[in-house]
Amino acid sequence: MSRDQPSLPINQAFVVQFYGDTDIEKGLLRGRTEHMVSGQAAHFESVEELLAFITRILTTVKQSEAEG
């Protein structure tokens, strides 16, 4: 990998914000996530919802790269 290329591609970057009532030990995981490039965002109330959003976005990114 060259120094000119980031080690973490921006098109695969997300911001994840957890709400104040998140309590991982109790299984309560709530918040909002946003894809940095597209600006698409989603609220989640479980790790499954969070991962479903990320999976959907990354699948779209990979399809776009394959087409393009």
PDB file of N, CA and C in Angstrom:
ATOM      1  N   MET A   1       0.850  -1.175   0.000  1.00  0.00           N
ATOM      2  CA  MET A   1       0.000   0.000   0.000  1.00  0.00           C
ATOM      3  C   MET A   1       0.891   1.232   0.000  1.00  0.00           C
ATOM      4  N   SER A   2       0.588   2.172  -0.888  1.00  0.00           N
ATOM      5  CA  SER A   2       1.416   3.365  -0.970  1.00  0.00           C
ATOM      6  C   SER A   2       0.991   4.383   0.085  1.00  0.00           C
ATOM      7  N   ARG A   3       1.848   5.337   0.316  1.00  0.00           N
ATOM      8  CA  ARG A   3       1.538   6.393   1.288  1.00  0.00           C
ATOM      9  C   ARG A   3       0.429   7.308   0.786  1.00  0.00           C
ATOM     10  N   ASP A   4       0.229   7.346  -0.533  1.00  0.00           N
ATOM     11  CA  ASP A   4      -0.794   8.212  -1.111  1.00  0.00           C
ATOM     12  C   ASP A   4      -2.206   7.666  -0.911  1.00  0.00           C
ATOM     13  N   GLN A   5      -2.325   6.379  -0.661  1.00  0.00           N
ATOM     14  CA  GLN A   5      -3.635   5.764  -0.512  1.00  0.00           C
ATOM     15  C   GLN A   5      -3.949   5.571   0.969  1.00  0.00           C
ATOM     16  N   PRO A   6      -5.141   5.995   1.368  1.00  0.00           N
ATOM     17  CA  PRO A   6      -5.504   5.794   2.776  1.00  0.00           C
ATOM     18  C   PRO A   6      -5.650   4.311   3.083  1.00  0.00           C
ATOM     19  N   SER A   7      -5.310   3.935   4.292  1.00  0.00           N
ATOM     20  CA  SER A   7      -5.429   2.527   4.674  1.00  0.00           C
ATOM     21  C   SER A   7      -6.885   2.140   4.879  1.00  0.00           C
ATOM     22  N   LEU A   8      -7.737   3.120   5.140  1.00  0.00           N
ATOM     23  CA  LEU A   8      -9.170   2.874   5.320  1.00  0.00           C
ATOM     24  C   LEU A   8      -9.929   3.731   4.308  1.00  0.00           C
ATOM     25  N   PRO A   9     -10.499   3.105   3.278  1.00  0.00           N
ATOM     26  CA  PRO A   9     -11.173   3.875   2.231  1.00  0.00           C
ATOM     27  C   PRO A   9     -12.369   4.654   2.775  1.00  0.00           C
ATOM     28  N   ILE A  10     -12.488   5.913   2.369  1.00  0.00           N
ATOM     29  CA  ILE A  10     -13.554   6.781   2.852  1.00  0.00           C
ATOM     30  C   ILE A  10     -14.931   6.271   2.429  1.00  0.00           C
ATOM     31  N   ASN A  11     -15.022   5.575   1.298  1.00  0.00           N
ATOM     32  CA  ASN A  11     -16.331   5.094   0.849  1.00  0.00           C
ATOM     33  C   ASN A  11     -16.838   3.928   1.693  1.00  0.00           C
ATOM     34  N   GLN A  12     -16.018   3.483   2.636  1.00  0.00           N
ATOM     35  CA  GLN A  12     -16.431   2.433   3.558  1.00  0.00           C
ATOM     36  C   GLN A  12     -16.443   2.933   5.004  1.00  0.00           C
ATOM     37  N   ALA A  13     -16.495   4.257   5.158  1.00  0.00           N
ATOM     38  CA  ALA A  13     -16.445   4.854   6.495  1.00  0.00           C
ATOM     39  C   ALA A  13     -17.844   5.247   6.987  1.00  0.00           C
ATOM     40  N   PHE A  14     -18.063   5.018   8.267  1.00  0.00           N
ATOM     41  CA  PHE A  14     -19.335   5.325   8.904  1.00  0.00           C
ATOM     42  C   PHE A  14     -19.069   6.047  10.218  1.00  0.00           C
ATOM     43  N   VAL A  15     -20.007   6.893  10.606  1.00  0.00           N
ATOM     44  CA  VAL A  15     -20.022   7.458  11.948  1.00  0.00           C
ATOM     45  C   VAL A  15     -21.143   6.750  12.690  1.00  0.00           C
ATOM     46  N   VAL A  16     -20.849   6.278  13.883  1.00  0.00           N
ATOM     47  CA  VAL A  16     -21.863   5.624  14.704  1.00  0.00           C
ATOM     48  C   VAL A  16     -21.965   6.401  16.006  1.00  0.00           C
ATOM     49  N   GLN A  17     -23.164   6.882  16.290  1.00  0.00           N
ATOM     50  CA  GLN A  17     -23.412   7.640  17.513  1.00  0.00           C
ATOM     51  C   GLN A  17     -24.390   6.839  18.368  1.00  0.00           C
ATOM     52  N   PHE A  18     -24.021   6.603  19.607  1.00  0.00           N
ATOM     53  CA  PHE A  18     -24.873   5.843  20.513  1.00  0.00           C
ATOM     54  C   PHE A  18     -25.644   6.800  21.412  1.00  0.00           C
ATOM     55  N   TYR A  19     -26.927   6.510  21.604  1.00  0.00           N
ATOM     56  CA  TYR A  19     -27.748   7.309  22.499  1.00  0.00           C
ATOM     57  C   TYR A  19     -27.318   7.068  23.942  1.00  0.00           C
ATOM     58  N   GLY A  20     -27.647   8.014  24.805  1.00  0.00           N
ATOM     59  CA  GLY A  20     -27.231   7.957  26.206  1.00  0.00           C
ATOM     60  C   GLY A  20     -27.757   6.757  26.963  1.00  0.00           C
ATOM     61  N   ASP A  21     -28.876   6.186  26.514  1.00  0.00           N
ATOM     62  CA  ASP A  21     -29.429   5.038  27.235  1.00  0.00           C
ATOM     63  C   ASP A  21     -28.868   3.697  26.758  1.00  0.00           C
ATOM     64  N   THR A  22     -27.882   3.726  25.870  1.00  0.00           N
ATOM     65  CA  THR A  22     -27.251   2.486  25.428  1.00  0.00           C
ATOM     66  C   THR A  22     -26.582   1.809  26.623  1.00  0.00           C
ATOM     67  N   ASP A  23     -26.856   0.535  26.762  1.00  0.00           N
ATOM     68  CA  ASP A  23     -26.255  -0.271  27.828  1.00  0.00           C
ATOM     69  C   ASP A  23     -25.943  -1.638  27.235  1.00  0.00           C
ATOM     70  N   ILE A  24     -24.743  -1.778  26.733  1.00  0.00           N
ATOM     71  CA  ILE A  24     -24.353  -2.995  26.024  1.00  0.00           C
ATOM     72  C   ILE A  24     -24.472  -4.226  26.920  1.00  0.00           C
ATOM     73  N   GLU A  25     -24.130  -4.096  28.190  1.00  0.00           N
ATOM     74  CA  GLU A  25     -24.220  -5.237  29.108  1.00  0.00           C
ATOM     75  C   GLU A  25     -25.647  -5.745  29.251  1.00  0.00           C
ATOM     76  N   LYS A  26     -26.620  -4.846  29.095  1.00  0.00           N
ATOM     77  CA  LYS A  26     -28.027  -5.234  29.189  1.00  0.00           C
ATOM     78  C   LYS A  26     -28.641  -5.532  27.818  1.00  0.00           C
ATOM     79  N   GLY A  27     -27.824  -5.437  26.777  1.00  0.00           N
ATOM     80  CA  GLY A  27     -28.312  -5.720  25.434  1.00  0.00           C
ATOM     81  C   GLY A  27     -29.080  -4.578  24.798  1.00  0.00           C
ATOM     82  N   LEU A  28     -28.978  -3.370  25.356  1.00  0.00           N
ATOM     83  CA  LEU A  28     -29.668  -2.206  24.814  1.00  0.00           C
ATOM     84  C   LEU A  28     -28.671  -1.384  24.005  1.00  0.00           C
ATOM     85  N   LEU A  29     -28.856  -1.405  22.704  1.00  0.00           N
ATOM     86  CA  LEU A  29     -27.938  -0.727  21.790  1.00  0.00           C
ATOM     87  C   LEU A  29     -28.779   0.140  20.864  1.00  0.00           C
ATOM     88  N   ARG A  30     -28.744   1.446  21.082  1.00  0.00           N
ATOM     89  CA  ARG A  30     -29.557   2.379  20.296  1.00  0.00           C
ATOM     90  C   ARG A  30     -28.695   3.536  19.840  1.00  0.00           C
ATOM     91  N   GLY A  31     -29.024   4.040  18.639  1.00  0.00           N
ATOM     92  CA  GLY A  31     -28.292   5.191  18.155  1.00  0.00           C
ATOM     93  C   GLY A  31     -28.589   5.510  16.708  1.00  0.00           C
ATOM     94  N   ARG A  32     -27.625   6.164  16.095  1.00  0.00           N
ATOM     95  CA  ARG A  32     -27.744   6.611  14.712  1.00  0.00           C
ATOM     96  C   ARG A  32     -26.413   6.375  14.032  1.00  0.00           C
ATOM     97  N   THR A  33     -26.461   5.996  12.762  1.00  0.00           N
ATOM     98  CA  THR A  33     -25.240   5.828  11.983  1.00  0.00           C
ATOM     99  C   THR A  33     -25.389   6.544  10.656  1.00  0.00           C
ATOM    100  N   GLU A  34     -24.273   7.007  10.117  1.00  0.00           N
ATOM    101  CA  GLU A  34     -24.284   7.734   8.847  1.00  0.00           C
ATOM    102  C   GLU A  34     -23.094   7.302   8.002  1.00  0.00           C
ATOM    103  N   HIS A  35     -23.362   7.051   6.725  1.00  0.00           N
ATOM    104  CA  HIS A  35     -22.306   6.719   5.767  1.00  0.00           C
ATOM    105  C   HIS A  35     -21.647   8.028   5.354  1.00  0.00           C
ATOM    106  N   MET A  36     -20.338   8.111   5.485  1.00  0.00           N
ATOM    107  CA  MET A  36     -19.621   9.369   5.287  1.00  0.00           C
ATOM    108  C   MET A  36     -19.693   9.898   3.860  1.00  0.00           C
ATOM    109  N   VAL A  37     -19.688   9.053   2.865  1.00  0.00           N
ATOM    110  CA  VAL A  37     -19.671   9.524   1.480  1.00  0.00           C
ATOM    111  C   VAL A  37     -21.063   9.895   0.990  1.00  0.00           C
ATOM    112  N   SER A  38     -22.026   9.038   1.201  1.00  0.00           N
ATOM    113  CA  SER A  38     -23.370   9.266   0.650  1.00  0.00           C
ATOM    114  C   SER A  38     -24.249  10.129   1.547  1.00  0.00           C
ATOM    115  N   GLY A  39     -23.943  10.171   2.833  1.00  0.00           N
ATOM    116  CA  GLY A  39     -24.788  10.898   3.769  1.00  0.00           C
ATOM    117  C   GLY A  39     -26.025  10.128   4.196  1.00  0.00           C
ATOM    118  N   GLN A  40     -26.175   8.906   3.682  1.00  0.00           N
ATOM    119  CA  GLN A  40     -27.323   8.098   4.097  1.00  0.00           C
ATOM    120  C   GLN A  40     -27.189   7.785   5.582  1.00  0.00           C
ATOM    121  N   ALA A  41     -28.312   7.871   6.280  1.00  0.00           N
ATOM    122  CA  ALA A  41     -28.284   7.672   7.724  1.00  0.00           C
ATOM    123  C   ALA A  41     -29.448   6.793   8.149  1.00  0.00           C
ATOM    124  N   ALA A  42     -29.290   6.181   9.307  1.00  0.00           N
ATOM    125  CA  ALA A  42     -30.353   5.340   9.854  1.00  0.00           C
ATOM    126  C   ALA A  42     -30.247   5.332  11.367  1.00  0.00           C
ATOM    127  N   HIS A  43     -31.390   5.232  11.999  1.00  0.00           N
ATOM    128  CA  HIS A  43     -31.450   5.016  13.441  1.00  0.00           C
ATOM    129  C   HIS A  43     -31.510   3.512  13.659  1.00  0.00           C
ATOM    130  N   PHE A  44     -30.945   3.041  14.745  1.00  0.00           N
ATOM    131  CA  PHE A  44     -30.978   1.607  15.039  1.00  0.00           C
ATOM    132  C   PHE A  44     -31.309   1.393  16.499  1.00  0.00           C
ATOM    133  N   GLU A  45     -31.896   0.230  16.761  1.00  0.00           N
ATOM    134  CA  GLU A  45     -32.247  -0.137  18.138  1.00  0.00           C
ATOM    135  C   GLU A  45     -31.710  -1.514  18.505  1.00  0.00           C
ATOM    136  N   SER A  46     -30.796  -2.009  17.672  1.00  0.00           N
ATOM    137  CA  SER A  46     -30.151  -3.286  17.958  1.00  0.00           C
ATOM    138  C   SER A  46     -28.899  -3.394  17.100  1.00  0.00           C
ATOM    139  N   VAL A  47     -28.012  -4.273  17.491  1.00  0.00           N
ATOM    140  CA  VAL A  47     -26.813  -4.504  16.692  1.00  0.00           C
ATOM    141  C   VAL A  47     -27.195  -5.059  15.325  1.00  0.00           C
ATOM    142  N   GLU A  48     -28.283  -5.833  15.269  1.00  0.00           N
ATOM    143  CA  GLU A  48     -28.732  -6.396  13.988  1.00  0.00           C
ATOM    144  C   GLU A  48     -29.162  -5.287  13.029  1.00  0.00           C
ATOM    145  N   GLU A  49     -29.883  -4.290  13.536  1.00  0.00           N
ATOM    146  CA  GLU A  49     -30.298  -3.167  12.693  1.00  0.00           C
ATOM    147  C   GLU A  49     -29.092  -2.352  12.233  1.00  0.00           C
ATOM    148  N   LEU A  50     -28.140  -2.141  13.113  1.00  0.00           N
ATOM    149  CA  LEU A  50     -26.917  -1.417  12.762  1.00  0.00           C
ATOM    150  C   LEU A  50     -26.169  -2.151  11.657  1.00  0.00           C
ATOM    151  N   LEU A  51     -25.966  -3.443  11.840  1.00  0.00           N
ATOM    152  CA  LEU A  51     -25.230  -4.231  10.851  1.00  0.00           C
ATOM    153  C   LEU A  51     -25.988  -4.359   9.537  1.00  0.00           C
ATOM    154  N   ALA A  52     -27.302  -4.416   9.585  1.00  0.00           N
ATOM    155  CA  ALA A  52     -28.096  -4.492   8.355  1.00  0.00           C
ATOM    156  C   ALA A  52     -27.894  -3.228   7.516  1.00  0.00           C
ATOM    157  N   PHE A  53     -27.887  -2.062   8.155  1.00  0.00           N
ATOM    158  CA  PHE A  53     -27.664  -0.808   7.440  1.00  0.00           C
ATOM    159  C   PHE A  53     -26.267  -0.785   6.829  1.00  0.00           C
ATOM    160  N   ILE A  54     -25.269  -1.118   7.611  1.00  0.00           N
ATOM    161  CA  ILE A  54     -23.888  -1.111   7.112  1.00  0.00           C
ATOM    162  C   ILE A  54     -23.729  -2.104   5.965  1.00  0.00           C
ATOM    163  N   THR A  55     -24.302  -3.278   6.104  1.00  0.00           N
ATOM    164  CA  THR A  55     -24.226  -4.287   5.054  1.00  0.00           C
ATOM    165  C   THR A  55     -24.861  -3.782   3.763  1.00  0.00           C
ATOM    166  N   ARG A  56     -26.036  -3.155   3.880  1.00  0.00           N
ATOM    167  CA  ARG A  56     -26.725  -2.622   2.691  1.00  0.00           C
ATOM    168  C   ARG A  56     -25.866  -1.581   1.981  1.00  0.00           C
ATOM    169  N   ILE A  57     -25.268  -0.685   2.734  1.00  0.00           N
ATOM    170  CA  ILE A  57     -24.441   0.363   2.132  1.00  0.00           C
ATOM    171  C   ILE A  57     -23.193  -0.233   1.491  1.00  0.00           C
ATOM    172  N   LEU A  58     -22.501  -1.116   2.196  1.00  0.00           N
ATOM    173  CA  LEU A  58     -21.270  -1.699   1.651  1.00  0.00           C
ATOM    174  C   LEU A  58     -21.541  -2.561   0.425  1.00  0.00           C
ATOM    175  N   THR A  59     -22.685  -3.211   0.378  1.00  0.00           N
ATOM    176  CA  THR A  59     -23.062  -3.986  -0.812  1.00  0.00           C
ATOM    177  C   THR A  59     -23.237  -3.052  -1.999  1.00  0.00           C
ATOM    178  N   THR A  60     -23.878  -1.918  -1.766  1.00  0.00           N
ATOM    179  CA  THR A  60     -24.063  -0.922  -2.823  1.00  0.00           C
ATOM    180  C   THR A  60     -22.724  -0.367  -3.288  1.00  0.00           C
ATOM    181  N   VAL A  61     -21.823  -0.098  -2.350  1.00  0.00           N
ATOM    182  CA  VAL A  61     -20.489   0.417  -2.686  1.00  0.00           C
ATOM    183  C   VAL A  61     -19.748  -0.588  -3.561  1.00  0.00           C
ATOM    184  N   LYS A  62     -19.765  -1.853  -3.183  1.00  0.00           N
ATOM    185  CA  LYS A  62     -19.054  -2.881  -3.950  1.00  0.00           C
ATOM    186  C   LYS A  62     -19.660  -3.055  -5.346  1.00  0.00           C
ATOM    187  N   GLN A  63     -20.988  -2.982  -5.447  1.00  0.00           N
ATOM    188  CA  GLN A  63     -21.638  -3.082  -6.754  1.00  0.00           C
ATOM    189  C   GLN A  63     -21.236  -1.907  -7.636  1.00  0.00           C
ATOM    190  N   SER A  64     -21.180  -0.714  -7.076  1.00  0.00           N
ATOM    191  CA  SER A  64     -20.787   0.469  -7.835  1.00  0.00           C
ATOM    192  C   SER A  64     -19.344   0.355  -8.321  1.00  0.00           C
ATOM    193  N   GLU A  65     -18.473  -0.158  -7.471  1.00  0.00           N
ATOM    194  CA  GLU A  65     -17.072  -0.332  -7.852  1.00  0.00           C
ATOM    195  C   GLU A  65     -16.936  -1.362  -8.964  1.00  0.00           C
ATOM    196  N   ALA A  66     -17.723  -2.435  -8.919  1.00  0.00           N
ATOM    197  CA  ALA A  66     -17.658  -3.476  -9.934  1.00  0.00           C
ATOM    198  C   ALA A  66     -18.163  -2.973 -11.291  1.00  0.00           C
ATOM    199  N   GLU A  67     -19.137  -2.063 -11.250  1.00  0.00           N
ATOM    200  CA  GLU A  67     -19.708  -1.518 -12.483  1.00  0.00           C
ATOM    201  C   GLU A  67     -18.833  -0.440 -13.089  1.00  0.00           C
ATOM    202  N   GLY A  68     -18.041   0.166 -12.222  1.00  0.00           N
ATOM    203  CA  GLY A  68     -17.408   1.323 -12.654  1.00  0.00           C
ATOM    204  C   GLY A  68     -16.097   1.595 -12.993  1.00  0.00           C
TER     205      GLY A  68
END
